[in-house]
Amino acid sequence: MSESIKKRLEEVLTAAGACGCVECGKCVAVCPMVEMYADFGWEMSPRGMIRRALTDDADALLQDPAIWYCTGCNAGTRVCPEGVSCRDLIQGLRQLAIEAGMASRIRNCVICGAPFASLPVDDFVRKRLNGKTGNYLETCSACRQRRYAQRNA
């Protein structure tokens, strides 16, 4: 792993407040992934991801499919007594994985090509909506906003 990725990982950990985690498990108690994925376990839980980000080999973590399962709901942060941002940690890890060419579970916008959606979350949403998504789940929010502005100008 390059020194720049290592430095960026430290920045992500600091910005998310990951070192403040007291491992109380409140984030896991409110995490919607428990109900979304039958194979949910410690490795993909918010608490597990924080612990792994602090202790595991960064290359292995950035290549781990578990970083793509988080919905980004921020529920864990709202209940965290230390204010650790699970969402910011996961978003940072995903961005690092993309930059390092290790992103394998992501959907790209059909208009601009930017990565914008985690495939596990996208798959879950599509199943829940029984495929009735139109093209809404095919484009990133920036392209959706531009298209809306053009249609309503």
C-alpha atoms as a PDB file:
ATOM      1  CA  MET A   1       0.000   0.000   0.000  1.00  0.00           C
ATOM      2  CA  SER A   2       1.298   3.418  -0.887  1.00  0.00           C
ATOM      3  CA  GLU A   3       2.250   5.921   1.773  1.00  0.00           C
ATOM      4  CA  SER A   4      -0.390   8.318   0.458  1.00  0.00           C
ATOM      5  CA  ILE A   5      -3.149   5.723   1.022  1.00  0.00           C
ATOM      6  CA  LYS A   6      -1.824   5.042   4.528  1.00  0.00           C
ATOM      7  CA  LYS A   7      -1.841   8.760   5.272  1.00  0.00           C
ATOM      8  CA  ARG A   8      -5.348   9.136   3.866  1.00  0.00           C
ATOM      9  CA  LEU A   9      -6.530   6.173   5.972  1.00  0.00           C
ATOM     10  CA  GLU A  10      -5.243   7.928   9.090  1.00  0.00           C
ATOM     11  CA  GLU A  11      -7.137  11.059   8.018  1.00  0.00           C
ATOM     12  CA  VAL A  12     -10.332   9.023   7.524  1.00  0.00           C
ATOM     13  CA  LEU A  13      -9.956   7.402  10.948  1.00  0.00           C
ATOM     14  CA  THR A  14      -9.380  10.788  12.590  1.00  0.00           C
ATOM     15  CA  ALA A  15     -12.270  12.504  10.781  1.00  0.00           C
ATOM     16  CA  ALA A  16     -14.646   9.691  11.762  1.00  0.00           C
ATOM     17  CA  GLY A  17     -13.461   9.744  15.373  1.00  0.00           C
ATOM     18  CA  ALA A  18     -12.806   6.000  15.175  1.00  0.00           C
ATOM     19  CA  CYS A  19     -10.155   6.060  17.909  1.00  0.00           C
ATOM     20  CA  GLY A  20     -12.871   7.181  20.342  1.00  0.00           C
ATOM     21  CA  CYS A  21     -14.875   3.970  19.966  1.00  0.00           C
ATOM     22  CA  VAL A  22     -15.523   2.377  23.366  1.00  0.00           C
ATOM     23  CA  GLU A  23     -17.006  -0.791  21.816  1.00  0.00           C
ATOM     24  CA  CYS A  24     -20.344  -0.382  23.610  1.00  0.00           C
ATOM     25  CA  GLY A  25     -22.246  -1.958  20.702  1.00  0.00           C
ATOM     26  CA  LYS A  26     -25.010   0.656  20.522  1.00  0.00           C
ATOM     27  CA  CYS A  27     -24.273   1.183  16.821  1.00  0.00           C
ATOM     28  CA  VAL A  28     -24.812  -2.519  16.145  1.00  0.00           C
ATOM     29  CA  ALA A  29     -28.123  -2.476  18.041  1.00  0.00           C
ATOM     30  CA  VAL A  30     -29.587   0.129  15.656  1.00  0.00           C
ATOM     31  CA  CYS A  31     -27.886  -0.984  12.433  1.00  0.00           C
ATOM     32  CA  PRO A  32     -30.406  -1.861   9.686  1.00  0.00           C
ATOM     33  CA  MET A  33     -27.958  -4.296   8.104  1.00  0.00           C
ATOM     34  CA  VAL A  34     -28.982  -6.850  10.737  1.00  0.00           C
ATOM     35  CA  GLU A  35     -32.339  -7.194   8.981  1.00  0.00           C
ATOM     36  CA  MET A  36     -31.056  -6.640   5.455  1.00  0.00           C
ATOM     37  CA  TYR A  37     -28.455  -9.376   5.158  1.00  0.00           C
ATOM     38  CA  ALA A  38     -28.811 -12.980   6.255  1.00  0.00           C
ATOM     39  CA  ASP A  39     -25.020 -13.268   6.544  1.00  0.00           C
ATOM     40  CA  PHE A  40     -24.679 -10.211   8.809  1.00  0.00           C
ATOM     41  CA  GLY A  41     -21.904 -10.732  11.311  1.00  0.00           C
ATOM     42  CA  TRP A  42     -19.336  -8.924  13.401  1.00  0.00           C
ATOM     43  CA  GLU A  43     -17.034  -8.376  10.408  1.00  0.00           C
ATOM     44  CA  MET A  44     -19.563  -6.145   8.629  1.00  0.00           C
ATOM     45  CA  SER A  45     -21.112  -4.549  11.723  1.00  0.00           C
ATOM     46  CA  PRO A  46     -20.292  -0.909  12.491  1.00  0.00           C
ATOM     47  CA  ARG A  47     -18.377  -1.945  15.614  1.00  0.00           C
ATOM     48  CA  GLY A  48     -16.497  -4.614  13.675  1.00  0.00           C
ATOM     49  CA  MET A  49     -15.600  -2.236  10.852  1.00  0.00           C
ATOM     50  CA  ILE A  50     -14.292   0.365  13.299  1.00  0.00           C
ATOM     51  CA  ARG A  51     -12.197  -2.218  15.126  1.00  0.00           C
ATOM     52  CA  ARG A  52     -10.861  -3.648  11.871  1.00  0.00           C
ATOM     53  CA  ALA A  53     -10.051  -0.188  10.503  1.00  0.00           C
ATOM     54  CA  LEU A  54      -7.964   0.453  13.592  1.00  0.00           C
ATOM     55  CA  THR A  55      -6.190  -2.920  13.702  1.00  0.00           C
ATOM     56  CA  ASP A  56      -6.273  -4.774  10.357  1.00  0.00           C
ATOM     57  CA  ASP A  57      -4.045  -4.583   7.344  1.00  0.00           C
ATOM     58  CA  ALA A  58      -5.357  -1.657   5.300  1.00  0.00           C
ATOM     59  CA  ASP A  59      -5.012  -3.501   1.961  1.00  0.00           C
ATOM     60  CA  ALA A  60      -7.129  -6.384   3.227  1.00  0.00           C
ATOM     61  CA  LEU A  61      -9.731  -3.986   4.610  1.00  0.00           C
ATOM     62  CA  LEU A  62     -10.025  -1.981   1.379  1.00  0.00           C
ATOM     63  CA  GLN A  63     -10.477  -5.205  -0.600  1.00  0.00           C
ATOM     64  CA  ASP A  64     -13.048  -6.629   1.808  1.00  0.00           C
ATOM     65  CA  PRO A  65     -16.582  -6.729   0.350  1.00  0.00           C
ATOM     66  CA  ALA A  66     -17.937  -5.860   3.823  1.00  0.00           C
ATOM     67  CA  ILE A  67     -17.196  -2.148   3.306  1.00  0.00           C
ATOM     68  CA  TRP A  68     -19.885  -2.080   0.606  1.00  0.00           C
ATOM     69  CA  TYR A  69     -22.784  -3.352   2.754  1.00  0.00           C
ATOM     70  CA  CYS A  70     -23.339  -0.225   4.878  1.00  0.00           C
ATOM     71  CA  THR A  71     -26.401   1.835   3.948  1.00  0.00           C
ATOM     72  CA  GLY A  72     -24.924   5.109   5.176  1.00  0.00           C
ATOM     73  CA  CYS A  73     -27.980   5.752   7.362  1.00  0.00           C
ATOM     74  CA  ASN A  74     -25.926   7.263  10.192  1.00  0.00           C
ATOM     75  CA  ALA A  75     -28.045   5.538  12.862  1.00  0.00           C
ATOM     76  CA  GLY A  76     -24.944   4.317  14.693  1.00  0.00           C
ATOM     77  CA  THR A  77     -23.529   7.810  14.973  1.00  0.00           C
ATOM     78  CA  ARG A  78     -26.738   9.151  16.454  1.00  0.00           C
ATOM     79  CA  VAL A  79     -26.557   6.672  19.357  1.00  0.00           C
ATOM     80  CA  CYS A  80     -22.782   6.613  19.828  1.00  0.00           C
ATOM     81  CA  PRO A  81     -21.785   8.048  23.219  1.00  0.00           C
ATOM     82  CA  GLU A  82     -18.459   9.154  21.713  1.00  0.00           C
ATOM     83  CA  GLY A  83     -19.866  10.529  18.441  1.00  0.00           C
ATOM     84  CA  VAL A  84     -17.966   8.102  16.231  1.00  0.00           C
ATOM     85  CA  SER A  85     -19.249   8.441  12.668  1.00  0.00           C
ATOM     86  CA  CYS A  86     -19.668   4.972  11.210  1.00  0.00           C
ATOM     87  CA  ARG A  87     -20.964   6.516   7.982  1.00  0.00           C
ATOM     88  CA  ASP A  88     -17.952   8.805   7.559  1.00  0.00           C
ATOM     89  CA  LEU A  89     -15.610   5.889   8.216  1.00  0.00           C
ATOM     90  CA  ILE A  90     -17.284   3.666   5.631  1.00  0.00           C
ATOM     91  CA  GLN A  91     -17.532   6.463   3.049  1.00  0.00           C
ATOM     92  CA  GLY A  92     -13.846   7.196   3.573  1.00  0.00           C
ATOM     93  CA  LEU A  93     -12.878   3.531   3.237  1.00  0.00           C
ATOM     94  CA  ARG A  94     -14.942   3.247   0.065  1.00  0.00           C
ATOM     95  CA  GLN A  95     -13.318   6.333  -1.418  1.00  0.00           C
ATOM     96  CA  LEU A  96      -9.865   4.950  -0.622  1.00  0.00           C
ATOM     97  CA  ALA A  97     -10.801   1.609  -2.198  1.00  0.00           C
ATOM     98  CA  ILE A  98     -11.960   3.404  -5.346  1.00  0.00           C
ATOM     99  CA  GLU A  99      -8.782   5.491  -5.531  1.00  0.00           C
ATOM    100  CA  ALA A 100      -6.608   2.417  -4.970  1.00  0.00           C
ATOM    101  CA  GLY A 101      -8.443   0.488  -7.705  1.00  0.00           C
ATOM    102  CA  MET A 102      -9.832  -2.013  -5.200  1.00  0.00           C
ATOM    103  CA  ALA A 103     -13.532  -1.213  -5.566  1.00  0.00           C
ATOM    104  CA  SER A 104     -15.418  -4.207  -6.845  1.00  0.00           C
ATOM    105  CA  ARG A 105     -18.913  -3.835  -5.435  1.00  0.00           C
ATOM    106  CA  ILE A 106     -20.038  -0.484  -6.738  1.00  0.00           C
ATOM    107  CA  ARG A 107     -22.457   0.847  -9.333  1.00  0.00           C
ATOM    108  CA  ASN A 108     -21.396   3.662 -11.646  1.00  0.00           C
ATOM    109  CA  CYS A 109     -23.716   6.372 -12.926  1.00  0.00           C
ATOM    110  CA  VAL A 110     -24.909   5.639 -16.470  1.00  0.00           C
ATOM    111  CA  ILE A 111     -24.637   9.340 -17.352  1.00  0.00           C
ATOM    112  CA  CYS A 112     -21.332  10.581 -15.904  1.00  0.00           C
ATOM    113  CA  GLY A 113     -19.668   7.283 -14.970  1.00  0.00           C
ATOM    114  CA  ALA A 114     -19.013   8.324 -11.372  1.00  0.00           C
ATOM    115  CA  PRO A 115     -19.211   5.606  -8.729  1.00  0.00           C
ATOM    116  CA  PHE A 116     -22.246   6.254  -6.559  1.00  0.00           C
ATOM    117  CA  ALA A 117     -23.941   3.167  -5.162  1.00  0.00           C
ATOM    118  CA  SER A 118     -22.889   0.149  -3.189  1.00  0.00           C
ATOM    119  CA  LEU A 119     -24.044  -2.998  -5.029  1.00  0.00           C
ATOM    120  CA  PRO A 120     -25.204  -4.883  -1.908  1.00  0.00           C
ATOM    121  CA  VAL A 121     -27.379  -1.942  -0.823  1.00  0.00           C
ATOM    122  CA  ASP A 122     -28.550  -1.366  -4.392  1.00  0.00           C
ATOM    123  CA  ASP A 123     -29.488  -5.053  -4.741  1.00  0.00           C
ATOM    124  CA  PHE A 124     -31.436  -4.947  -1.469  1.00  0.00           C
ATOM    125  CA  VAL A 125     -33.381  -1.829  -2.536  1.00  0.00           C
ATOM    126  CA  ARG A 126     -34.174  -3.289  -5.961  1.00  0.00           C
ATOM    127  CA  LYS A 127     -35.511  -6.491  -4.386  1.00  0.00           C
ATOM    128  CA  ARG A 128     -37.643  -4.546  -1.906  1.00  0.00           C
ATOM    129  CA  LEU A 129     -39.097  -2.444  -4.726  1.00  0.00           C
ATOM    130  CA  ASN A 130     -39.755  -5.537  -6.859  1.00  0.00           C
ATOM    131  CA  GLY A 131     -37.818  -4.016  -9.751  1.00  0.00           C
ATOM    132  CA  LYS A 132     -40.095  -0.962  -9.935  1.00  0.00           C
ATOM    133  CA  THR A 133     -37.284   1.579  -9.840  1.00  0.00           C
ATOM    134  CA  GLY A 134     -37.492   3.131 -13.309  1.00  0.00           C
ATOM    135  CA  ASN A 135     -34.086   4.582 -14.040  1.00  0.00           C
ATOM    136  CA  TYR A 136     -33.819   6.336 -10.684  1.00  0.00           C
ATOM    137  CA  LEU A 137     -31.228   3.877  -9.359  1.00  0.00           C
ATOM    138  CA  GLU A 138     -29.101   4.144 -12.491  1.00  0.00           C
ATOM    139  CA  THR A 139     -27.839   7.699 -11.974  1.00  0.00           C
ATOM    140  CA  CYS A 140     -25.947   9.555  -9.267  1.00  0.00           C
ATOM    141  CA  SER A 141     -27.604  12.333  -7.298  1.00  0.00           C
ATOM    142  CA  ALA A 142     -25.704  15.078  -9.174  1.00  0.00           C
ATOM    143  CA  CYS A 143     -26.968  13.822 -12.545  1.00  0.00           C
ATOM    144  CA  ARG A 144     -30.506  13.391 -11.179  1.00  0.00           C
ATOM    145  CA  GLN A 145     -30.438  16.979  -9.924  1.00  0.00           C
ATOM    146  CA  ARG A 146     -29.121  18.288 -13.265  1.00  0.00           C
ATOM    147  CA  ARG A 147     -31.777  16.355 -15.158  1.00  0.00           C
ATOM    148  CA  TYR A 148     -34.500  17.656 -12.830  1.00  0.00           C
ATOM    149  CA  ALA A 149     -33.262  21.240 -13.230  1.00  0.00           C
ATOM    150  CA  GLN A 150     -33.207  20.895 -17.040  1.00  0.00           C
ATOM    151  CA  ARG A 151     -36.727  19.471 -17.122  1.00  0.00           C
ATOM    152  CA  ASN A 152     -38.089  22.157 -14.828  1.00  0.00           C
ATOM    153  CA  ALA A 153     -36.196  25.216 -16.076  1.00  0.00           C
END
